[in-house]
C-alpha cells in the first residue's frame, strides 16, 4: 500500500490541500471550507500536472471537475504527519469512504 501524497498549494483562495492515493487513483480536493471532494480514476500524471500549476483551482475547474467522476463529498480528514509541504497518511481512502 502506497502512501497518500498530500500537497498544500502555496497560494490558493479556495483549495487548502490536495491528496492523491495512487493505489486506487483517487484525488481528494480539500477546500478552505473543509469539504473534501473525491474524484476517481485520476491518472498519476494528471495529479502531478495539477501540483505544478500556478493556479490549482483553475486547473481543478478546467480538468478535474469536467473529466473525472465525483465519487464522494465529505468533511475533510485531519492531517497526520507533515514533512515540509507533503503529508503522508497510512490509511486507505477506500476504507475511509466505506464508513459513509
N, C-alpha and C. Protein backbone atom coordinates (compact mmCIF):
# COMPACT_ATOMS: atom_id res chain seq x y z
N UNK A 1 0.84 -1.17 0.00
CA UNK A 1 0.00 0.00 0.00
C UNK A 1 0.90 1.24 0.00
N UNK A 2 0.71 2.10 -0.99
CA UNK A 2 1.49 3.33 -1.10
C UNK A 2 0.92 4.41 -0.19
N UNK A 3 1.79 5.32 0.19
CA UNK A 3 1.35 6.46 0.99
C UNK A 3 0.46 7.37 0.16
N UNK A 4 -0.46 8.02 0.83
CA UNK A 4 -1.26 9.06 0.19
C UNK A 4 -0.40 10.32 0.17
N UNK A 5 -0.30 10.95 -0.98
CA UNK A 5 0.53 12.14 -1.15
C UNK A 5 -0.35 13.37 -0.99
N UNK A 6 0.05 14.27 -0.11
CA UNK A 6 -0.73 15.49 0.12
C UNK A 6 0.14 16.70 -0.18
N UNK A 7 -0.44 17.65 -0.92
CA UNK A 7 0.25 18.88 -1.27
C UNK A 7 -0.59 20.07 -0.81
N UNK A 8 0.06 21.04 -0.21
CA UNK A 8 -0.61 22.29 0.16
C UNK A 8 -0.21 23.33 -0.88
N UNK A 9 -1.18 23.91 -1.58
CA UNK A 9 -0.82 24.96 -2.54
C UNK A 9 -0.22 26.17 -1.82
N UNK A 10 0.77 26.79 -2.45
CA UNK A 10 1.39 27.97 -1.83
C UNK A 10 0.41 29.13 -1.79
N UNK A 11 -0.38 29.30 -2.86
CA UNK A 11 -1.34 30.39 -2.93
C UNK A 11 -2.63 29.85 -3.50
N UNK A 12 -3.66 29.84 -2.71
CA UNK A 12 -4.98 29.47 -3.21
C UNK A 12 -6.04 30.04 -2.28
N UNK A 13 -7.03 30.66 -2.87
CA UNK A 13 -8.13 31.21 -2.08
C UNK A 13 -9.16 30.15 -1.72
N UNK A 14 -9.18 29.04 -2.45
CA UNK A 14 -10.24 28.05 -2.26
C UNK A 14 -9.74 26.65 -1.90
N UNK A 15 -8.58 26.26 -2.40
CA UNK A 15 -8.07 24.90 -2.14
C UNK A 15 -7.08 24.95 -0.99
N UNK A 16 -7.38 24.18 0.06
CA UNK A 16 -6.49 24.11 1.22
C UNK A 16 -5.37 23.10 0.96
N UNK A 17 -5.74 21.94 0.40
CA UNK A 17 -4.74 20.93 0.05
C UNK A 17 -5.37 19.92 -0.90
N UNK A 18 -4.52 19.17 -1.57
CA UNK A 18 -4.97 18.07 -2.42
C UNK A 18 -4.23 16.82 -1.96
N UNK A 19 -4.91 15.70 -2.02
CA UNK A 19 -4.31 14.43 -1.62
C UNK A 19 -4.58 13.42 -2.71
N UNK A 20 -3.58 12.59 -3.00
CA UNK A 20 -3.72 11.60 -4.07
C UNK A 20 -3.36 10.23 -3.55
N UNK A 21 -4.23 9.26 -3.81
CA UNK A 21 -3.97 7.86 -3.44
C UNK A 21 -3.67 7.11 -4.73
N UNK A 22 -2.40 6.83 -5.00
CA UNK A 22 -2.03 6.17 -6.25
C UNK A 22 -2.53 4.73 -6.37
N UNK A 23 -2.79 4.08 -5.23
CA UNK A 23 -3.27 2.69 -5.27
C UNK A 23 -4.64 2.59 -5.92
N UNK A 24 -5.51 3.55 -5.65
CA UNK A 24 -6.88 3.50 -6.19
C UNK A 24 -7.16 4.64 -7.15
N UNK A 25 -6.16 5.50 -7.39
CA UNK A 25 -6.25 6.64 -8.31
C UNK A 25 -7.37 7.61 -7.92
N UNK A 26 -7.46 7.87 -6.61
CA UNK A 26 -8.43 8.83 -6.09
C UNK A 26 -7.72 10.14 -5.78
N UNK A 27 -8.34 11.23 -6.20
CA UNK A 27 -7.85 12.57 -5.90
C UNK A 27 -8.82 13.22 -4.94
N UNK A 28 -8.31 13.63 -3.78
CA UNK A 28 -9.11 14.35 -2.79
C UNK A 28 -8.74 15.83 -2.90
N UNK A 29 -9.74 16.67 -3.09
CA UNK A 29 -9.53 18.11 -3.13
C UNK A 29 -10.20 18.67 -1.88
N UNK A 30 -9.38 19.20 -0.97
CA UNK A 30 -9.89 19.71 0.29
C UNK A 30 -9.91 21.24 0.19
N UNK A 31 -11.11 21.78 0.32
CA UNK A 31 -11.30 23.22 0.18
C UNK A 31 -11.16 23.92 1.51
N UNK A 32 -11.03 25.24 1.47
CA UNK A 32 -10.86 26.01 2.70
C UNK A 32 -12.07 25.92 3.62
N UNK A 33 -13.24 25.53 3.09
CA UNK A 33 -14.43 25.34 3.94
C UNK A 33 -14.47 23.92 4.53
N UNK A 34 -13.37 23.17 4.38
CA UNK A 34 -13.19 21.82 4.93
C UNK A 34 -14.00 20.74 4.20
N UNK A 35 -14.55 21.03 3.04
CA UNK A 35 -15.20 20.00 2.23
C UNK A 35 -14.14 19.22 1.49
N UNK A 36 -14.28 17.91 1.45
CA UNK A 36 -13.34 17.01 0.77
C UNK A 36 -14.09 16.35 -0.37
N UNK A 37 -13.74 16.69 -1.59
CA UNK A 37 -14.34 16.08 -2.78
C UNK A 37 -13.38 15.02 -3.29
N UNK A 38 -13.89 13.81 -3.52
CA UNK A 38 -13.06 12.72 -4.01
C UNK A 38 -13.44 12.41 -5.45
N UNK A 39 -12.44 12.46 -6.31
CA UNK A 39 -12.63 12.15 -7.74
C UNK A 39 -11.90 10.86 -8.06
N UNK A 40 -12.52 10.03 -8.92
CA UNK A 40 -11.98 8.72 -9.23
C UNK A 40 -11.30 8.64 -10.58
N UNK A 41 -10.49 7.60 -10.72
CA UNK A 41 -9.82 7.26 -11.97
C UNK A 41 -8.92 8.38 -12.48
N UNK A 42 -8.30 9.11 -11.55
CA UNK A 42 -7.40 10.20 -11.92
C UNK A 42 -5.99 9.63 -12.10
N UNK A 43 -5.43 9.73 -13.31
CA UNK A 43 -4.09 9.19 -13.54
C UNK A 43 -3.03 9.96 -12.76
N UNK A 44 -1.95 9.29 -12.39
CA UNK A 44 -0.88 9.95 -11.62
C UNK A 44 -0.32 11.18 -12.33
N UNK A 45 -0.23 11.12 -13.65
CA UNK A 45 0.33 12.27 -14.38
C UNK A 45 -0.59 13.50 -14.32
N UNK A 46 -1.91 13.28 -14.20
CA UNK A 46 -2.84 14.40 -14.05
C UNK A 46 -2.64 15.05 -12.68
N UNK A 47 -2.49 14.23 -11.65
CA UNK A 47 -2.20 14.77 -10.31
C UNK A 47 -0.88 15.54 -10.32
N UNK A 48 0.16 14.96 -10.93
CA UNK A 48 1.46 15.63 -10.98
C UNK A 48 1.36 16.97 -11.70
N UNK A 49 0.62 17.00 -12.79
CA UNK A 49 0.44 18.25 -13.53
C UNK A 49 -0.29 19.27 -12.68
N UNK A 50 -1.31 18.84 -11.94
CA UNK A 50 -2.06 19.75 -11.09
C UNK A 50 -1.16 20.40 -10.05
N UNK A 51 -0.24 19.63 -9.47
CA UNK A 51 0.62 20.16 -8.41
C UNK A 51 1.63 21.17 -8.93
N UNK A 52 1.87 21.17 -10.24
CA UNK A 52 2.83 22.12 -10.82
C UNK A 52 2.17 23.39 -11.36
N UNK A 53 0.87 23.49 -11.27
CA UNK A 53 0.16 24.64 -11.82
C UNK A 53 0.31 25.88 -10.94
N UNK A 54 0.36 27.01 -11.57
CA UNK A 54 0.38 28.27 -10.81
C UNK A 54 -0.95 28.46 -10.10
N UNK A 55 -2.05 28.01 -10.73
CA UNK A 55 -3.37 28.08 -10.11
C UNK A 55 -3.98 26.68 -10.09
N UNK A 56 -3.90 26.03 -8.93
CA UNK A 56 -4.50 24.70 -8.79
C UNK A 56 -6.01 24.77 -8.97
N UNK A 57 -6.63 25.84 -8.48
CA UNK A 57 -8.08 25.99 -8.58
C UNK A 57 -8.55 26.05 -10.02
N UNK A 58 -7.83 26.80 -10.84
CA UNK A 58 -8.19 26.90 -12.25
C UNK A 58 -8.04 25.55 -12.94
N UNK A 59 -6.95 24.84 -12.65
CA UNK A 59 -6.73 23.51 -13.23
C UNK A 59 -7.83 22.55 -12.77
N UNK A 60 -8.17 22.62 -11.48
CA UNK A 60 -9.24 21.78 -10.95
C UNK A 60 -10.54 21.98 -11.73
N UNK A 61 -10.94 23.23 -11.93
CA UNK A 61 -12.20 23.51 -12.64
C UNK A 61 -12.12 23.14 -14.12
N UNK A 62 -10.97 23.36 -14.72
CA UNK A 62 -10.83 23.12 -16.16
C UNK A 62 -10.66 21.64 -16.49
N UNK A 63 -9.98 20.89 -15.65
CA UNK A 63 -9.63 19.50 -15.97
C UNK A 63 -10.34 18.49 -15.07
N UNK A 64 -10.10 18.55 -13.78
CA UNK A 64 -10.60 17.52 -12.85
C UNK A 64 -12.12 17.50 -12.82
N UNK A 65 -12.72 18.63 -12.53
CA UNK A 65 -14.17 18.70 -12.34
C UNK A 65 -14.94 18.29 -13.60
N UNK A 66 -14.39 18.58 -14.75
CA UNK A 66 -15.08 18.29 -16.01
C UNK A 66 -14.86 16.88 -16.56
N UNK A 67 -13.75 16.23 -16.17
CA UNK A 67 -13.38 14.98 -16.82
C UNK A 67 -13.32 13.74 -15.93
N UNK A 68 -13.44 13.91 -14.62
CA UNK A 68 -13.33 12.77 -13.73
C UNK A 68 -14.55 12.68 -12.83
N UNK A 69 -15.01 11.44 -12.53
CA UNK A 69 -16.25 11.29 -11.76
C UNK A 69 -16.07 11.66 -10.28
N UNK A 70 -17.05 12.40 -9.77
CA UNK A 70 -17.10 12.71 -8.35
C UNK A 70 -17.60 11.47 -7.62
N UNK A 71 -16.79 10.93 -6.72
CA UNK A 71 -17.15 9.71 -6.00
C UNK A 71 -17.78 10.00 -4.64
N UNK A 72 -17.31 11.07 -3.99
CA UNK A 72 -17.80 11.35 -2.64
C UNK A 72 -17.54 12.80 -2.28
N UNK A 73 -18.38 13.30 -1.39
CA UNK A 73 -18.17 14.61 -0.77
C UNK A 73 -18.34 14.39 0.73
N UNK A 74 -17.36 14.84 1.49
CA UNK A 74 -17.41 14.64 2.94
C UNK A 74 -16.63 15.73 3.63
N UNK A 75 -16.70 15.74 4.95
CA UNK A 75 -15.88 16.67 5.72
C UNK A 75 -14.44 16.19 5.63
N UNK A 76 -13.50 17.11 5.50
CA UNK A 76 -12.10 16.77 5.31
C UNK A 76 -11.53 16.01 6.50
N UNK A 77 -10.61 15.10 6.21
CA UNK A 77 -9.90 14.34 7.24
C UNK A 77 -8.73 15.17 7.75
N UNK A 78 -8.39 15.04 9.02
CA UNK A 78 -7.26 15.81 9.55
C UNK A 78 -5.94 15.33 8.99
N UNK A 79 -4.97 16.23 8.93
CA UNK A 79 -3.62 15.84 8.54
C UNK A 79 -2.98 15.10 9.69
N UNK A 80 -2.05 14.19 9.38
CA UNK A 80 -1.44 13.42 10.45
C UNK A 80 0.06 13.65 10.60
N UNK A 81 0.83 13.43 9.56
CA UNK A 81 2.27 13.54 9.67
C UNK A 81 2.76 14.45 8.55
N UNK A 82 3.40 15.55 8.91
CA UNK A 82 3.81 16.52 7.90
C UNK A 82 5.33 16.56 7.81
N UNK A 83 5.81 16.56 6.57
CA UNK A 83 7.23 16.72 6.28
C UNK A 83 7.34 17.81 5.23
N UNK A 84 7.62 19.03 5.65
CA UNK A 84 7.64 20.14 4.70
C UNK A 84 6.22 20.45 4.27
N UNK A 85 5.97 20.42 2.96
CA UNK A 85 4.62 20.69 2.48
C UNK A 85 3.93 19.41 2.00
N UNK A 86 4.48 18.25 2.34
CA UNK A 86 3.87 16.98 1.99
C UNK A 86 3.42 16.27 3.25
N UNK A 87 2.28 15.60 3.17
CA UNK A 87 1.75 14.86 4.31
C UNK A 87 1.48 13.44 3.85
N UNK A 88 1.84 12.46 4.67
CA UNK A 88 1.58 11.07 4.34
C UNK A 88 0.65 10.47 5.38
N UNK A 89 -0.37 9.77 4.90
CA UNK A 89 -1.25 9.04 5.80
C UNK A 89 -1.19 7.58 5.39
N UNK A 90 -1.18 6.69 6.34
CA UNK A 90 -1.09 5.27 6.07
C UNK A 90 -2.46 4.61 5.92
N UNK A 91 -3.54 5.39 5.93
CA UNK A 91 -4.87 4.82 5.82
C UNK A 91 -5.25 4.69 4.36
N UNK A 92 -6.15 3.79 4.09
CA UNK A 92 -6.60 3.56 2.73
C UNK A 92 -7.86 4.37 2.49
N UNK A 93 -7.87 5.19 1.44
CA UNK A 93 -9.01 6.06 1.15
C UNK A 93 -10.29 5.26 0.94
N UNK A 94 -10.20 4.07 0.38
CA UNK A 94 -11.38 3.26 0.15
C UNK A 94 -12.00 2.84 1.48
N UNK A 95 -11.16 2.48 2.46
CA UNK A 95 -11.67 2.12 3.78
C UNK A 95 -12.32 3.31 4.46
N UNK A 96 -11.75 4.52 4.27
CA UNK A 96 -12.31 5.71 4.88
C UNK A 96 -13.71 5.97 4.34
N UNK A 97 -13.92 5.76 3.05
CA UNK A 97 -15.21 6.03 2.44
C UNK A 97 -16.23 4.94 2.74
N UNK A 98 -15.77 3.75 3.09
CA UNK A 98 -16.69 2.64 3.35
C UNK A 98 -17.56 2.93 4.56
N UNK A 99 -17.10 3.79 5.47
CA UNK A 99 -17.86 4.10 6.66
C UNK A 99 -18.98 5.08 6.45
N UNK A 100 -19.15 5.59 5.23
CA UNK A 100 -20.22 6.57 4.96
C UNK A 100 -21.59 5.93 4.99
